[in-house]
């Protein structure tokens, strides 16, 4: 990650900041997410039943893919944080669309573009990023999200 002066954040609006490392979604991770969320729908956790679906295999929960964004963003070299950062907080999403399922054992990565950078109060910067989560070897992304993050400097 790059460290920049807070006033320079606006200089990055409209720029793609890079892509994360590839990350594999295996059945153990899907099962653990199902256990954590109590969402044991067969399409996620039962490979035999899932073979009979149009996907032909189990798929990751959409929210599992979303929940990996905080980790994936840490591996984007071009992502920036303001100098003097005390903390960053998830501020929510303006838009979230699931475009394609992530099949078991596929790899995903996140690409980030900065859409907005606004100083809400002195020392509080609200950034809106567009994240596209690609599925390796697939034409359609898993999801597209407009994610809001509040930085405190």
Protein backbone atom coordinates (compact mmCIF):
# COMPACT_ATOMS: atom_id res chain seq x y z
CA UNK A 1 0.00 0.00 0.00
CA UNK A 2 1.02 3.56 -0.69
CA UNK A 3 0.95 6.23 2.01
CA UNK A 4 -0.14 9.65 0.70
CA UNK A 5 -0.96 13.03 2.21
CA UNK A 6 -4.72 13.14 2.93
CA UNK A 7 -5.19 16.13 0.61
CA UNK A 8 -3.70 14.04 -2.24
CA UNK A 9 -6.38 11.33 -2.04
CA UNK A 10 -8.54 13.19 -4.56
CA UNK A 11 -5.72 12.90 -7.12
CA UNK A 12 -6.44 9.16 -7.36
CA UNK A 13 -10.17 9.45 -8.12
CA UNK A 14 -11.02 7.60 -11.32
CA UNK A 15 -7.85 5.52 -11.27
CA UNK A 16 -7.67 1.76 -11.14
CA UNK A 17 -5.35 1.09 -8.22
CA UNK A 18 -4.42 -2.47 -9.07
CA UNK A 19 -5.43 -6.04 -8.40
CA UNK A 20 -5.00 -8.30 -5.41
CA UNK A 21 -3.24 -11.62 -5.37
CA UNK A 22 -5.28 -14.62 -6.50
CA UNK A 23 -7.03 -16.46 -3.66
CA UNK A 24 -8.45 -19.99 -3.89
CA UNK A 25 -11.91 -20.78 -2.54
CA UNK A 26 -11.88 -24.40 -1.36
CA UNK A 27 -14.64 -26.54 0.11
CA UNK A 28 -13.23 -26.28 3.65
CA UNK A 29 -13.56 -22.48 3.52
CA UNK A 30 -17.11 -22.74 2.13
CA UNK A 31 -18.05 -25.21 4.86
CA UNK A 32 -16.53 -23.02 7.58
CA UNK A 33 -18.50 -20.02 6.28
CA UNK A 34 -21.67 -22.13 6.24
CA UNK A 35 -21.03 -23.08 9.87
CA UNK A 36 -20.35 -19.46 10.88
CA UNK A 37 -23.52 -18.14 9.20
CA UNK A 38 -25.77 -21.19 9.68
CA UNK A 39 -26.38 -21.19 5.91
CA UNK A 40 -26.03 -24.87 5.00
CA UNK A 41 -27.94 -24.77 1.72
CA UNK A 42 -26.95 -27.84 -0.29
CA UNK A 43 -25.59 -25.80 -3.20
CA UNK A 44 -22.76 -24.74 -0.90
CA UNK A 45 -22.05 -27.81 1.24
CA UNK A 46 -23.26 -30.96 -0.53
CA UNK A 47 -21.12 -31.83 -3.57
CA UNK A 48 -23.33 -34.78 -4.58
CA UNK A 49 -26.54 -32.75 -4.69
CA UNK A 50 -24.75 -29.77 -6.23
CA UNK A 51 -23.63 -31.89 -9.19
CA UNK A 52 -27.27 -32.02 -10.32
CA UNK A 53 -27.56 -28.20 -10.49
CA UNK A 54 -26.70 -26.02 -13.49
CA UNK A 55 -23.36 -25.21 -11.79
CA UNK A 56 -22.33 -28.88 -11.60
CA UNK A 57 -20.54 -28.38 -8.29
CA UNK A 58 -20.76 -26.51 -5.03
CA UNK A 59 -20.46 -22.72 -5.07
CA UNK A 60 -19.27 -20.19 -2.52
CA UNK A 61 -21.81 -18.09 -0.69
CA UNK A 62 -21.99 -14.63 -2.24
CA UNK A 63 -21.41 -13.14 1.18
CA UNK A 64 -18.29 -15.27 1.60
CA UNK A 65 -16.86 -13.58 -1.47
CA UNK A 66 -17.83 -10.14 -0.11
CA UNK A 67 -16.33 -10.97 3.29
CA UNK A 68 -12.95 -11.60 1.66
CA UNK A 69 -12.69 -8.01 0.37
CA UNK A 70 -10.96 -6.72 3.54
CA UNK A 71 -8.25 -9.34 3.12
CA UNK A 72 -7.96 -9.05 -0.66
CA UNK A 73 -7.53 -5.28 -0.50
CA UNK A 74 -4.45 -5.70 1.70
CA UNK A 75 -2.65 -7.39 -1.21
CA UNK A 76 -3.26 -4.56 -3.72
CA UNK A 77 0.06 -2.73 -4.11
CA UNK A 78 -1.50 0.41 -5.60
CA UNK A 79 -4.05 0.93 -2.84
CA UNK A 80 -3.37 4.04 -0.83
CA UNK A 81 -3.95 5.10 2.76
CA UNK A 82 -3.65 8.62 4.16
CA UNK A 83 -0.51 9.57 6.04
CA UNK A 84 -1.10 9.56 9.80
CA UNK A 85 -3.83 6.93 9.54
CA UNK A 86 -5.15 6.06 13.00
CA UNK A 87 -7.78 3.60 11.81
CA UNK A 88 -10.03 2.67 8.95
CA UNK A 89 -13.64 1.53 9.27
CA UNK A 90 -16.04 -0.25 7.00
CA UNK A 91 -18.74 2.34 6.26
CA UNK A 92 -20.98 0.13 4.11
CA UNK A 93 -21.86 -0.34 0.47
CA UNK A 94 -23.65 1.91 -1.97
CA UNK A 95 -24.04 -0.92 -4.48
CA UNK A 96 -23.43 -4.65 -4.41
CA UNK A 97 -24.23 -6.98 -7.29
CA UNK A 98 -23.50 -10.69 -7.52
CA UNK A 99 -22.72 -11.33 -11.18
CA UNK A 100 -21.58 -14.97 -11.32
CA UNK A 101 -21.13 -17.84 -8.85
CA UNK A 102 -17.69 -18.79 -7.57
CA UNK A 103 -17.37 -22.55 -8.02
CA UNK A 104 -15.41 -24.56 -5.50
CA UNK A 105 -11.63 -24.56 -6.04
CA UNK A 106 -11.74 -21.48 -8.28
CA UNK A 107 -9.42 -18.56 -7.60
CA UNK A 108 -10.61 -14.99 -7.20
CA UNK A 109 -8.95 -11.58 -7.06
CA UNK A 110 -10.19 -8.05 -6.40
CA UNK A 111 -9.52 -5.01 -8.58
CA UNK A 112 -10.01 -1.58 -7.04
CA UNK A 113 -10.84 1.82 -8.51
CA UNK A 114 -11.20 4.91 -6.35
CA UNK A 115 -14.51 6.63 -7.17
CA UNK A 116 -14.65 9.40 -4.54
CA UNK A 117 -12.55 10.87 -1.71
CA UNK A 118 -14.32 13.35 0.56
CA UNK A 119 -13.18 14.92 3.81
CA UNK A 120 -16.37 14.69 5.89
CA UNK A 121 -14.94 16.36 8.99
CA UNK A 122 -11.38 17.42 9.75
CA UNK A 123 -9.35 14.22 9.84
CA UNK A 124 -12.21 12.00 8.59
CA UNK A 125 -11.97 10.91 4.97
CA UNK A 126 -14.75 8.90 3.31
CA UNK A 127 -13.53 6.97 0.29
CA UNK A 128 -15.75 5.14 -2.17
CA UNK A 129 -14.08 2.33 -4.08
CA UNK A 130 -15.42 0.17 -6.85
CA UNK A 131 -14.28 -3.39 -6.35
CA UNK A 132 -14.63 -6.00 -9.05
CA UNK A 133 -13.96 -9.57 -7.96
CA UNK A 134 -12.71 -11.60 -10.90
CA UNK A 135 -12.95 -15.37 -11.18
CA UNK A 136 -9.88 -16.86 -12.82
CA UNK A 137 -10.72 -18.17 -16.28
CA UNK A 138 -14.26 -16.73 -16.29
CA UNK A 139 -15.63 -13.88 -18.42
CA UNK A 140 -18.02 -12.50 -15.81
CA UNK A 141 -16.85 -11.27 -12.41
CA UNK A 142 -18.19 -12.77 -9.20
CA UNK A 143 -19.33 -9.37 -7.97
CA UNK A 144 -19.10 -5.64 -8.40
CA UNK A 145 -19.35 -3.48 -5.28
CA UNK A 146 -19.15 0.17 -4.37
CA UNK A 147 -17.54 -0.06 -0.94
CA UNK A 148 -17.28 2.87 1.47
CA UNK A 149 -14.36 3.12 3.89
CA UNK A 150 -13.87 5.86 6.49
CA UNK A 151 -10.28 6.75 7.32
CA UNK A 152 -9.40 8.63 10.51
CA UNK A 153 -6.13 10.62 10.47
